């Protein structure tokens, strides 16, 4: 057996000139903009990208001029390969992105040129949603059929891993480390922030909300439930109703209620990117300051945290054992 693993994430513009084409690809996704007629959806995507370009460029300019997501994901892939080698498995890693380089089709081409015959497809979205993992799986199924149908390849799809014990442990450890920065760690209000999705998707059966809630409860179990905590949502786009409460609203409300210590946990994000570096660290920090929150802190995204990398390795090993 010659195993491989494909890690995929959303992707992000690496420089300001990438922002508009990135936005166009993002809003061309039929799971993001649910318009069945492709020409109309692409026209809408172009209009949205044009309208949002300058604002989005401003956000990326404030975090250094581009997203670090590709670099961080490639670092995760390298760390995962090293961890698997340490555990006795020689596994080739591949990286693909849904909306920017390296695109999923580039990753599939790299797989085609390799000698891999067992492939684990591992989305870097712990909680499943049709808007993330589901959309990526749909693209990959088409690409694998078109480009790899003649290649002898056994594939294991990992749809979600919100309950994975070592993943839960990695977040609990990260929270514990950050709580030590508060004068009275037990009084800090823990605000888990997840990317929102339209409520309609949940009503239609998307398991994202329940899986995210379960992750939060498991993390709090690890922490001994010593702190007050809640789940909120961020990154709403467009006029439809999205999952609430919004993180920005809850931060403002906590400040008005006299809560001085708030710790935000980016529970659905495993890498730093625009939603953590701009939205949480800059935009929401300002909201906290204006609301009277005296000590506003954020748990770093997991990135290549050794415990998190062990979690990914355990998922890969279990998947390969199934395929073997």
C-alpha atoms as a PDB file:
ATOM      1  CA  UNK A   1       0.000   0.000   0.000  1.00  0.00           C
ATOM      2  CA  UNK A   2       1.264   3.471  -0.954  1.00  0.00           C
ATOM      3  CA  UNK A   3      -0.867   5.859   1.087  1.00  0.00           C
ATOM      4  CA  UNK A   4      -1.553   9.544   0.643  1.00  0.00           C
ATOM      5  CA  UNK A   5      -3.717  12.174   2.295  1.00  0.00           C
ATOM      6  CA  UNK A   6      -5.319  15.225   0.728  1.00  0.00           C
ATOM      7  CA  UNK A   7      -5.875  18.124   3.119  1.00  0.00           C
ATOM      8  CA  UNK A   8      -8.231  20.745   1.786  1.00  0.00           C
ATOM      9  CA  UNK A   9      -9.448  24.093   3.026  1.00  0.00           C
ATOM     10  CA  UNK A  10     -11.246  27.095   1.591  1.00  0.00           C
ATOM     11  CA  UNK A  11      -8.231  29.080   0.421  1.00  0.00           C
ATOM     12  CA  UNK A  12      -7.541  32.791   0.483  1.00  0.00           C
ATOM     13  CA  UNK A  13      -5.938  35.544  -1.599  1.00  0.00           C
ATOM     14  CA  UNK A  14      -2.191  35.722  -1.075  1.00  0.00           C
ATOM     15  CA  UNK A  15      -1.871  39.311  -2.325  1.00  0.00           C
ATOM     16  CA  UNK A  16      -4.221  42.236  -2.819  1.00  0.00           C
ATOM     17  CA  UNK A  17      -4.454  41.660  -6.575  1.00  0.00           C
ATOM     18  CA  UNK A  18      -5.906  38.208  -5.820  1.00  0.00           C
ATOM     19  CA  UNK A  19      -8.861  39.543  -3.843  1.00  0.00           C
ATOM     20  CA  UNK A  20     -11.354  40.138  -6.662  1.00  0.00           C
ATOM     21  CA  UNK A  21     -10.783  36.803  -8.472  1.00  0.00           C
ATOM     22  CA  UNK A  22     -10.883  35.034  -5.104  1.00  0.00           C
ATOM     23  CA  UNK A  23     -14.239  36.626  -4.282  1.00  0.00           C
ATOM     24  CA  UNK A  24     -15.568  35.719  -7.722  1.00  0.00           C
ATOM     25  CA  UNK A  25     -14.667  32.065  -7.203  1.00  0.00           C
ATOM     26  CA  UNK A  26     -16.116  32.090  -3.694  1.00  0.00           C
ATOM     27  CA  UNK A  27     -19.488  33.466  -4.772  1.00  0.00           C
ATOM     28  CA  UNK A  28     -19.596  31.282  -7.890  1.00  0.00           C
ATOM     29  CA  UNK A  29     -19.982  28.251  -5.620  1.00  0.00           C
ATOM     30  CA  UNK A  30     -23.569  26.940  -5.996  1.00  0.00           C
ATOM     31  CA  UNK A  31     -23.626  26.115  -2.273  1.00  0.00           C
ATOM     32  CA  UNK A  32     -22.756  29.716  -1.376  1.00  0.00           C
ATOM     33  CA  UNK A  33     -25.039  31.447  -3.893  1.00  0.00           C
ATOM     34  CA  UNK A  34     -27.926  29.067  -4.483  1.00  0.00           C
ATOM     35  CA  UNK A  35     -28.890  30.057  -8.001  1.00  0.00           C
ATOM     36  CA  UNK A  36     -29.308  26.997 -10.216  1.00  0.00           C
ATOM     37  CA  UNK A  37     -28.790  28.702 -13.573  1.00  0.00           C
ATOM     38  CA  UNK A  38     -25.010  28.914 -13.886  1.00  0.00           C
ATOM     39  CA  UNK A  39     -24.780  32.022 -16.121  1.00  0.00           C
ATOM     40  CA  UNK A  40     -26.919  34.016 -13.685  1.00  0.00           C
ATOM     41  CA  UNK A  41     -24.964  32.754 -10.671  1.00  0.00           C
ATOM     42  CA  UNK A  42     -21.676  33.754 -12.291  1.00  0.00           C
ATOM     43  CA  UNK A  43     -23.052  37.158 -13.205  1.00  0.00           C
ATOM     44  CA  UNK A  44     -24.099  37.663  -9.588  1.00  0.00           C
ATOM     45  CA  UNK A  45     -20.697  36.441  -8.390  1.00  0.00           C
ATOM     46  CA  UNK A  46     -18.933  38.970 -10.606  1.00  0.00           C
ATOM     47  CA  UNK A  47     -21.185  41.763  -9.339  1.00  0.00           C
ATOM     48  CA  UNK A  48     -20.619  40.808  -5.690  1.00  0.00           C
ATOM     49  CA  UNK A  49     -16.856  40.513  -6.191  1.00  0.00           C
ATOM     50  CA  UNK A  50     -16.737  43.909  -7.868  1.00  0.00           C
ATOM     51  CA  UNK A  51     -18.839  45.515  -5.137  1.00  0.00           C
ATOM     52  CA  UNK A  52     -16.883  43.970  -2.238  1.00  0.00           C
ATOM     53  CA  UNK A  53     -13.396  44.272  -3.731  1.00  0.00           C
ATOM     54  CA  UNK A  54     -12.196  47.539  -2.173  1.00  0.00           C
ATOM     55  CA  UNK A  55     -13.625  46.765   1.250  1.00  0.00           C
ATOM     56  CA  UNK A  56     -12.087  43.289   1.275  1.00  0.00           C
ATOM     57  CA  UNK A  57      -8.754  44.629   0.055  1.00  0.00           C
ATOM     58  CA  UNK A  58      -8.813  46.986   3.034  1.00  0.00           C
ATOM     59  CA  UNK A  59      -9.295  44.063   5.403  1.00  0.00           C
ATOM     60  CA  UNK A  60      -6.434  42.089   3.884  1.00  0.00           C
ATOM     61  CA  UNK A  61      -4.204  45.164   3.895  1.00  0.00           C
ATOM     62  CA  UNK A  62      -4.645  45.337   7.674  1.00  0.00           C
ATOM     63  CA  UNK A  63      -3.410  41.763   8.148  1.00  0.00           C
ATOM     64  CA  UNK A  64      -0.314  42.139   6.005  1.00  0.00           C
ATOM     65  CA  UNK A  65      -1.637  42.211   2.446  1.00  0.00           C
ATOM     66  CA  UNK A  66      -2.903  38.662   2.035  1.00  0.00           C
ATOM     67  CA  UNK A  67      -4.115  35.471   3.672  1.00  0.00           C
ATOM     68  CA  UNK A  68      -1.594  33.140   5.373  1.00  0.00           C
ATOM     69  CA  UNK A  69      -3.914  30.160   4.838  1.00  0.00           C
ATOM     70  CA  UNK A  70      -1.930  28.460   2.069  1.00  0.00           C
ATOM     71  CA  UNK A  71       1.350  28.682   3.975  1.00  0.00           C
ATOM     72  CA  UNK A  72      -0.240  27.458   7.193  1.00  0.00           C
ATOM     73  CA  UNK A  73      -1.991  24.551   5.459  1.00  0.00           C
ATOM     74  CA  UNK A  74       1.229  23.491   3.748  1.00  0.00           C
ATOM     75  CA  UNK A  75       2.944  23.641   7.143  1.00  0.00           C
ATOM     76  CA  UNK A  76       0.180  21.431   8.567  1.00  0.00           C
ATOM     77  CA  UNK A  77       0.689  18.962   5.713  1.00  0.00           C
ATOM     78  CA  UNK A  78       4.428  18.843   6.352  1.00  0.00           C
ATOM     79  CA  UNK A  79       3.966  18.419  10.090  1.00  0.00           C
ATOM     80  CA  UNK A  80       1.394  15.674   9.482  1.00  0.00           C
ATOM     81  CA  UNK A  81       3.782  13.771   7.196  1.00  0.00           C
ATOM     82  CA  UNK A  82       6.507  14.007   9.852  1.00  0.00           C
ATOM     83  CA  UNK A  83       4.162  12.855  12.618  1.00  0.00           C
ATOM     84  CA  UNK A  84       2.977   9.889  10.558  1.00  0.00           C
ATOM     85  CA  UNK A  85       6.584   8.980   9.756  1.00  0.00           C
ATOM     86  CA  UNK A  86       7.408   9.136  13.464  1.00  0.00           C
ATOM     87  CA  UNK A  87       4.533   6.727  14.051  1.00  0.00           C
ATOM     88  CA  UNK A  88       5.869   4.332  11.399  1.00  0.00           C
ATOM     89  CA  UNK A  89       3.850   5.323   8.313  1.00  0.00           C
ATOM     90  CA  UNK A  90       5.257   6.847   5.136  1.00  0.00           C
ATOM     91  CA  UNK A  91       2.313   8.902   3.861  1.00  0.00           C
ATOM     92  CA  UNK A  92       2.508  11.436   1.041  1.00  0.00           C
ATOM     93  CA  UNK A  93       0.556  14.623   1.730  1.00  0.00           C
ATOM     94  CA  UNK A  94      -1.227  16.868  -0.764  1.00  0.00           C
ATOM     95  CA  UNK A  95      -2.859  20.275  -0.277  1.00  0.00           C
ATOM     96  CA  UNK A  96      -5.833  21.661  -2.202  1.00  0.00           C
ATOM     97  CA  UNK A  97      -8.059  24.707  -1.838  1.00  0.00           C
ATOM     98  CA  UNK A  98     -11.652  25.246  -2.908  1.00  0.00           C
ATOM     99  CA  UNK A  99     -11.349  28.855  -4.044  1.00  0.00           C
ATOM    100  CA  UNK A 100      -7.661  29.664  -4.548  1.00  0.00           C
ATOM    101  CA  UNK A 101      -4.254  28.165  -5.295  1.00  0.00           C
ATOM    102  CA  UNK A 102      -3.396  25.389  -5.029  1.00  0.00           C
ATOM    103  CA  UNK A 103      -6.853  24.590  -6.416  1.00  0.00           C
ATOM    104  CA  UNK A 104      -8.402  21.176  -5.907  1.00  0.00           C
ATOM    105  CA  UNK A 105      -7.762  20.337  -9.554  1.00  0.00           C
ATOM    106  CA  UNK A 106      -4.066  21.094  -9.023  1.00  0.00           C
ATOM    107  CA  UNK A 107      -4.018  18.740  -6.044  1.00  0.00           C
ATOM    108  CA  UNK A 108      -5.743  16.009  -8.064  1.00  0.00           C
ATOM    109  CA  UNK A 109      -3.171  16.420 -10.842  1.00  0.00           C
ATOM    110  CA  UNK A 110      -0.402  15.977  -8.264  1.00  0.00           C
ATOM    111  CA  UNK A 111      -2.107  12.834  -6.978  1.00  0.00           C
ATOM    112  CA  UNK A 112      -2.371  11.527 -10.536  1.00  0.00           C
ATOM    113  CA  UNK A 113       1.381  11.946 -11.046  1.00  0.00           C
ATOM    114  CA  UNK A 114       2.166  10.163  -7.768  1.00  0.00           C
ATOM    115  CA  UNK A 115       2.319   6.436  -7.047  1.00  0.00           C
ATOM    116  CA  UNK A 116      -0.315   6.707  -4.296  1.00  0.00           C
ATOM    117  CA  UNK A 117      -2.878   3.889  -4.394  1.00  0.00           C
ATOM    118  CA  UNK A 118      -4.736   4.594  -1.113  1.00  0.00           C
ATOM    119  CA  UNK A 119      -5.968   8.133  -0.532  1.00  0.00           C
ATOM    120  CA  UNK A 120      -7.547   9.723   2.545  1.00  0.00           C
ATOM    121  CA  UNK A 121      -9.493  12.894   1.753  1.00  0.00           C
ATOM    122  CA  UNK A 122      -9.426  14.953   4.933  1.00  0.00           C
ATOM    123  CA  UNK A 123     -11.184  18.339   4.971  1.00  0.00           C
ATOM    124  CA  UNK A 124      -9.793  20.856   7.438  1.00  0.00           C
ATOM    125  CA  UNK A 125     -13.344  21.633   8.527  1.00  0.00           C
ATOM    126  CA  UNK A 126     -13.956  19.583  11.704  1.00  0.00           C
ATOM    127  CA  UNK A 127     -17.719  20.182  11.542  1.00  0.00           C
ATOM    128  CA  UNK A 128     -19.478  19.213   8.318  1.00  0.00           C
ATOM    129  CA  UNK A 129     -21.444  21.728   6.300  1.00  0.00           C
ATOM    130  CA  UNK A 130     -22.625  21.539   2.729  1.00  0.00           C
ATOM    131  CA  UNK A 131     -21.097  25.018   2.294  1.00  0.00           C
ATOM    132  CA  UNK A 132     -17.572  23.776   3.062  1.00  0.00           C
ATOM    133  CA  UNK A 133     -16.897  20.033   3.121  1.00  0.00           C
ATOM    134  CA  UNK A 134     -19.953  19.214   1.025  1.00  0.00           C
ATOM    135  CA  UNK A 135     -19.012  21.700  -1.669  1.00  0.00           C
ATOM    136  CA  UNK A 136     -15.403  20.494  -1.731  1.00  0.00           C
ATOM    137  CA  UNK A 137     -16.455  16.851  -1.905  1.00  0.00           C
ATOM    138  CA  UNK A 138     -18.709  17.583  -4.888  1.00  0.00           C
ATOM    139  CA  UNK A 139     -15.839  19.190  -6.793  1.00  0.00           C
ATOM    140  CA  UNK A 140     -13.450  16.390  -5.876  1.00  0.00           C
ATOM    141  CA  UNK A 141     -15.835  13.630  -6.926  1.00  0.00           C
ATOM    142  CA  UNK A 142     -16.138  15.218 -10.364  1.00  0.00           C
ATOM    143  CA  UNK A 143     -12.382  15.753 -10.677  1.00  0.00           C
ATOM    144  CA  UNK A 144     -11.532  12.236  -9.537  1.00  0.00           C
ATOM    145  CA  UNK A 145     -13.983  10.781 -12.046  1.00  0.00           C
ATOM    146  CA  UNK A 146     -12.693  12.942 -14.889  1.00  0.00           C
ATOM    147  CA  UNK A 147      -8.973  12.646 -14.198  1.00  0.00           C
ATOM    148  CA  UNK A 148      -8.326   9.553 -12.114  1.00  0.00           C
ATOM    149  CA  UNK A 149     -10.941   7.038 -13.268  1.00  0.00           C
ATOM    150  CA  UNK A 150      -8.224   4.925 -14.901  1.00  0.00           C
ATOM    151  CA  UNK A 151      -5.939   5.029 -11.845  1.00  0.00           C
ATOM    152  CA  UNK A 152      -6.254   2.224  -9.322  1.00  0.00           C
ATOM    153  CA  UNK A 153      -6.995   4.266  -6.241  1.00  0.00           C
ATOM    154  CA  UNK A 154      -8.811   3.326  -3.043  1.00  0.00           C
ATOM    155  CA  UNK A 155     -10.344   6.442  -1.486  1.00  0.00           C
ATOM    156  CA  UNK A 156     -11.550   7.058   2.068  1.00  0.00           C
ATOM    157  CA  UNK A 157     -13.645  10.190   2.564  1.00  0.00           C
ATOM    158  CA  UNK A 158     -13.629  11.757   6.038  1.00  0.00           C
ATOM    159  CA  UNK A 159     -16.816  13.859   6.176  1.00  0.00           C
ATOM    160  CA  UNK A 160     -16.292  15.348   9.644  1.00  0.00           C
ATOM    161  CA  UNK A 161     -14.438  14.846  12.912  1.00  0.00           C
ATOM    162  CA  UNK A 162     -16.064  17.132  15.529  1.00  0.00           C
ATOM    163  CA  UNK A 163     -15.767  14.559  18.336  1.00  0.00           C
ATOM    164  CA  UNK A 164     -12.170  13.420  17.687  1.00  0.00           C
ATOM    165  CA  UNK A 165     -10.694  13.207  21.210  1.00  0.00           C
ATOM    166  CA  UNK A 166      -7.237  14.582  20.441  1.00  0.00           C
ATOM    167  CA  UNK A 167      -8.703  17.461  18.424  1.00  0.00           C
ATOM    168  CA  UNK A 168     -10.922  18.291  21.416  1.00  0.00           C
ATOM    169  CA  UNK A 169      -7.873  18.023  23.673  1.00  0.00           C
ATOM    170  CA  UNK A 170      -5.884  20.415  21.474  1.00  0.00           C
ATOM    171  CA  UNK A 171      -8.519  23.131  21.841  1.00  0.00           C
ATOM    172  CA  UNK A 172      -8.875  22.512  25.584  1.00  0.00           C
ATOM    173  CA  UNK A 173      -5.111  22.871  26.024  1.00  0.00           C
ATOM    174  CA  UNK A 174      -5.053  26.064  23.959  1.00  0.00           C
ATOM    175  CA  UNK A 175      -7.855  27.538  26.081  1.00  0.00           C
ATOM    176  CA  UNK A 176      -6.076  26.570  29.309  1.00  0.00           C
ATOM    177  CA  UNK A 177      -2.920  28.330  28.135  1.00  0.00           C
ATOM    178  CA  UNK A 178      -4.797  31.513  27.278  1.00  0.00           C
ATOM    179  CA  UNK A 179      -6.830  31.522  30.500  1.00  0.00           C
ATOM    180  CA  UNK A 180      -3.578  31.856  32.459  1.00  0.00           C
ATOM    181  CA  UNK A 181      -3.272  35.397  31.105  1.00  0.00           C
ATOM    182  CA  UNK A 182      -6.318  36.527  33.102  1.00  0.00           C
ATOM    183  CA  UNK A 183      -5.885  37.748  36.685  1.00  0.00           C
ATOM    184  CA  UNK A 184      -8.757  35.468  37.722  1.00  0.00           C
ATOM    185  CA  UNK A 185      -9.042  32.725  35.051  1.00  0.00           C
ATOM    186  CA  UNK A 186     -12.250  31.354  36.548  1.00  0.00           C
ATOM    187  CA  UNK A 187     -14.107  34.611  35.902  1.00  0.00           C
ATOM    188  CA  UNK A 188     -13.303  34.800  32.200  1.00  0.00           C
ATOM    189  CA  UNK A 189     -16.341  34.383  29.950  1.00  0.00           C
ATOM    190  CA  UNK A 190     -15.504  31.926  27.158  1.00  0.00           C
ATOM    191  CA  UNK A 191     -17.121  32.865  23.865  1.00  0.00           C
ATOM    192  CA  UNK A 192     -16.832  30.120  21.252  1.00  0.00           C
ATOM    193  CA  UNK A 193     -17.083  31.722  17.814  1.00  0.00           C
ATOM    194  CA  UNK A 194     -17.945  29.644  14.746  1.00  0.00           C
ATOM    195  CA  UNK A 195     -18.486  30.621  11.139  1.00  0.00           C
ATOM    196  CA  UNK A 196     -22.193  31.156  10.598  1.00  0.00           C
ATOM    197  CA  UNK A 197     -24.246  29.545   7.834  1.00  0.00           C
ATOM    198  CA  UNK A 198     -27.772  30.326   6.612  1.00  0.00           C
ATOM    199  CA  UNK A 199     -30.436  28.968   8.978  1.00  0.00           C
ATOM    200  CA  UNK A 200     -32.240  27.423   6.019  1.00  0.00           C
ATOM    201  CA  UNK A 201     -29.383  24.982   5.492  1.00  0.00           C
ATOM    202  CA  UNK A 202     -29.795  23.687   9.042  1.00  0.00           C
ATOM    203  CA  UNK A 203     -33.540  23.277   8.537  1.00  0.00           C
ATOM    204  CA  UNK A 204     -32.748  21.279   5.399  1.00  0.00           C
ATOM    205  CA  UNK A 205     -30.587  18.863   7.390  1.00  0.00           C
ATOM    206  CA  UNK A 206     -27.101  20.376   7.467  1.00  0.00           C
ATOM    207  CA  UNK A 207     -25.490  18.930  10.656  1.00  0.00           C
ATOM    208  CA  UNK A 208     -23.105  21.863  11.162  1.00  0.00           C
ATOM    209  CA  UNK A 209     -24.921  23.462  14.099  1.00  0.00           C
ATOM    210  CA  UNK A 210     -25.326  20.258  16.102  1.00  0.00           C
ATOM    211  CA  UNK A 211     -21.754  19.155  15.419  1.00  0.00           C
ATOM    212  CA  UNK A 212     -20.403  22.545  16.473  1.00  0.00           C
ATOM    213  CA  UNK A 213     -22.451  22.486  19.679  1.00  0.00           C
ATOM    214  CA  UNK A 214     -21.130  19.000  20.422  1.00  0.00           C
ATOM    215  CA  UNK A 215     -17.524  20.117  19.951  1.00  0.00           C
ATOM    216  CA  UNK A 216     -18.085  22.990  22.378  1.00  0.00           C
ATOM    217  CA  UNK A 217     -19.597  20.690  25.012  1.00  0.00           C
ATOM    218  CA  UNK A 218     -16.745  18.188  24.697  1.00  0.00           C
ATOM    219  CA  UNK A 219     -14.148  20.937  25.059  1.00  0.00           C
ATOM    220  CA  UNK A 220     -15.904  22.278  28.151  1.00  0.00           C
ATOM    221  CA  UNK A 221     -16.026  18.758  29.590  1.00  0.00           C
ATOM    222  CA  UNK A 222     -12.235  18.633  29.229  1.00  0.00           C
ATOM    223  CA  UNK A 223     -11.957  21.983  30.991  1.00  0.00           C
ATOM    224  CA  UNK A 224     -14.149  20.867  33.886  1.00  0.00           C
ATOM    225  CA  UNK A 225     -16.825  23.459  33.076  1.00  0.00           C
ATOM    226  CA  UNK A 226     -15.251  26.011  35.429  1.00  0.00           C
ATOM    227  CA  UNK A 227     -16.135  29.047  33.314  1.00  0.00           C
ATOM    228  CA  UNK A 228     -19.288  30.543  31.900  1.00  0.00           C
ATOM    229  CA  UNK A 229     -19.417  29.897  28.178  1.00  0.00           C
ATOM    230  CA  UNK A 230     -21.588  30.166  25.097  1.00  0.00           C
ATOM    231  CA  UNK A 231     -21.538  29.654  21.334  1.00  0.00           C
ATOM    232  CA  UNK A 232     -21.923  32.507  18.868  1.00  0.00           C
ATOM    233  CA  UNK A 233     -21.406  32.998  15.138  1.00  0.00           C
ATOM    234  CA  UNK A 234     -19.510  35.308  12.821  1.00  0.00           C
ATOM    235  CA  UNK A 235     -18.883  36.127   9.148  1.00  0.00           C
ATOM    236  CA  UNK A 236     -22.463  36.541   7.944  1.00  0.00           C
ATOM    237  CA  UNK A 237     -22.778  37.476   4.271  1.00  0.00           C
ATOM    238  CA  UNK A 238     -25.917  38.674   2.507  1.00  0.00           C
ATOM    239  CA  UNK A 239     -29.517  39.412   3.496  1.00  0.00           C
ATOM    240  CA  UNK A 240     -30.840  35.937   4.412  1.00  0.00           C
ATOM    241  CA  UNK A 241     -31.190  34.825   8.043  1.00  0.00           C
ATOM    242  CA  UNK A 242     -28.020  33.217   9.398  1.00  0.00           C
ATOM    243  CA  UNK A 243     -27.269  31.326  12.604  1.00  0.00           C
ATOM    244  CA  UNK A 244     -27.272  33.597  15.646  1.00  0.00           C
ATOM    245  CA  UNK A 245     -26.357  35.076  18.078  1.00  0.00           C
ATOM    246  CA  UNK A 246     -23.623  36.975  16.297  1.00  0.00           C
ATOM    247  CA  UNK A 247     -20.271  37.146  18.044  1.00  0.00           C
ATOM    248  CA  UNK A 248     -20.046  40.912  17.562  1.00  0.00           C
ATOM    249  CA  UNK A 249     -23.434  41.411  19.247  1.00  0.00           C
ATOM    250  CA  UNK A 250     -22.589  39.145  22.160  1.00  0.00           C
ATOM    251  CA  UNK A 251     -19.285  40.909  22.824  1.00  0.00           C
ATOM    252  CA  UNK A 252     -21.090  44.255  22.978  1.00  0.00           C
ATOM    253  CA  UNK A 253     -23.818  42.827  25.222  1.00  0.00           C
ATOM    254  CA  UNK A 254     -21.317  41.206  27.590  1.00  0.00           C
ATOM    255  CA  UNK A 255     -19.523  44.511  27.966  1.00  0.00           C
ATOM    256  CA  UNK A 256     -22.777  46.303  28.757  1.00  0.00           C
ATOM    257  CA  UNK A 257     -23.554  43.621  31.354  1.00  0.00           C
ATOM    258  CA  UNK A 258     -20.307  44.414  33.151  1.00  0.00           C
ATOM    259  CA  UNK A 259     -18.295  41.411  31.996  1.00  0.00           C
ATOM    260  CA  UNK A 260     -14.666  42.555  32.004  1.00  0.00           C
ATOM    261  CA  UNK A 261     -12.867  39.373  30.907  1.00  0.00           C
ATOM    262  CA  UNK A 262     -13.774  37.706  27.604  1.00  0.00           C
ATOM    263  CA  UNK A 263     -11.892  34.886  25.894  1.00  0.00           C
ATOM    264  CA  UNK A 264     -12.887  34.190  22.286  1.00  0.00           C
ATOM    265  CA  UNK A 265     -12.282  30.699  20.884  1.00  0.00           C
ATOM    266  CA  UNK A 266     -12.374  30.277  17.060  1.00  0.00           C
ATOM    267  CA  UNK A 267     -13.898  26.822  17.391  1.00  0.00           C
ATOM    268  CA  UNK A 268     -14.584  26.121  13.702  1.00  0.00           C
ATOM    269  CA  UNK A 269     -11.265  27.464  12.381  1.00  0.00           C
ATOM    270  CA  UNK A 270      -8.094  25.341  12.439  1.00  0.00           C
ATOM    271  CA  UNK A 271      -5.840  27.973  10.803  1.00  0.00           C
ATOM    272  CA  UNK A 272      -5.386  31.710  11.050  1.00  0.00           C
ATOM    273  CA  UNK A 273      -6.989  33.637   8.204  1.00  0.00           C
ATOM    274  CA  UNK A 274      -9.105  36.730   7.565  1.00  0.00           C
ATOM    275  CA  UNK A 275     -11.892  35.734   9.976  1.00  0.00           C
ATOM    276  CA  UNK A 276      -9.489  35.392  12.893  1.00  0.00           C
ATOM    277  CA  UNK A 277      -6.808  37.970  12.085  1.00  0.00           C
ATOM    278  CA  UNK A 278      -9.114  40.783  10.989  1.00  0.00           C
ATOM    279  CA  UNK A 279     -12.624  40.022  12.192  1.00  0.00           C
ATOM    280  CA  UNK A 280     -11.747  38.746  15.666  1.00  0.00           C
ATOM    281  CA  UNK A 281      -8.455  40.496  16.364  1.00  0.00           C
ATOM    282  CA  UNK A 282      -9.206  43.928  14.918  1.00  0.00           C
ATOM    283  CA  UNK A 283     -12.935  44.478  14.352  1.00  0.00           C
ATOM    284  CA  UNK A 284     -14.293  42.606  17.369  1.00  0.00           C
ATOM    285  CA  UNK A 285     -11.499  43.820  19.647  1.00  0.00           C
ATOM    286  CA  UNK A 286     -12.611  47.392  18.911  1.00  0.00           C
ATOM    287  CA  UNK A 287     -16.213  46.433  19.729  1.00  0.00           C
ATOM    288  CA  UNK A 288     -15.016  44.950  23.027  1.00  0.00           C
ATOM    289  CA  UNK A 289     -13.062  48.071  23.930  1.00  0.00           C
ATOM    290  CA  UNK A 290     -16.007  50.331  23.127  1.00  0.00           C
ATOM    291  CA  UNK A 291     -18.316  48.123  25.229  1.00  0.00           C
ATOM    292  CA  UNK A 292     -16.067  48.265  28.291  1.00  0.00           C
ATOM    293  CA  UNK A 293     -14.538  44.788  28.122  1.00  0.00           C
ATOM    294  CA  UNK A 294     -11.235  45.385  29.897  1.00  0.00           C
ATOM    295  CA  UNK A 295      -9.451  42.160  29.003  1.00  0.00           C
ATOM    296  CA  UNK A 296     -10.345  40.775  25.586  1.00  0.00           C
ATOM    297  CA  UNK A 297      -8.240  37.832  24.459  1.00  0.00           C
ATOM    298  CA  UNK A 298      -8.397  35.239  21.710  1.00  0.00           C
ATOM    299  CA  UNK A 299      -7.224  31.644  21.621  1.00  0.00           C
ATOM    300  CA  UNK A 300      -4.909  31.190  18.613  1.00  0.00           C
ATOM    301  CA  UNK A 301      -6.078  28.931  15.804  1.00  0.00           C
ATOM    302  CA  UNK A 302      -4.591  25.450  16.076  1.00  0.00           C
ATOM    303  CA  UNK A 303      -2.331  25.771  13.017  1.00  0.00           C
ATOM    304  CA  UNK A 304       0.493  23.218  13.513  1.00  0.00           C
ATOM    305  CA  UNK A 305       0.021  22.740  17.247  1.00  0.00           C
ATOM    306  CA  UNK A 306       1.594  19.323  18.013  1.00  0.00           C
ATOM    307  CA  UNK A 307      -1.522  17.967  19.724  1.00  0.00           C
ATOM    308  CA  UNK A 308      -3.669  19.009  16.776  1.00  0.00           C
ATOM    309  CA  UNK A 309      -1.250  17.404  14.322  1.00  0.00           C
ATOM    310  CA  UNK A 310      -1.490  14.201  16.363  1.00  0.00           C
ATOM    311  CA  UNK A 311      -5.267  14.404  15.978  1.00  0.00           C
ATOM    312  CA  UNK A 312      -4.923  14.594  12.195  1.00  0.00           C
ATOM    313  CA  UNK A 313      -2.478  11.675  12.246  1.00  0.00           C
ATOM    314  CA  UNK A 314      -4.917   9.568  14.250  1.00  0.00           C
ATOM    315  CA  UNK A 315      -7.691  10.327  11.750  1.00  0.00           C
ATOM    316  CA  UNK A 316      -5.438   9.325   8.847  1.00  0.00           C
ATOM    317  CA  UNK A 317      -4.269   6.122  10.542  1.00  0.00           C
ATOM    318  CA  UNK A 318      -7.816   5.064  11.349  1.00  0.00           C
ATOM    319  CA  UNK A 319      -8.918   5.809   7.792  1.00  0.00           C
ATOM    320  CA  UNK A 320      -6.039   3.832   6.275  1.00  0.00           C
ATOM    321  CA  UNK A 321      -6.797   0.891   8.549  1.00  0.00           C
ATOM    322  CA  UNK A 322     -10.335   0.920   7.161  1.00  0.00           C
ATOM    323  CA  UNK A 323      -9.058   0.983   3.592  1.00  0.00           C
ATOM    324  CA  UNK A 324      -6.343  -1.613   4.048  1.00  0.00           C
END
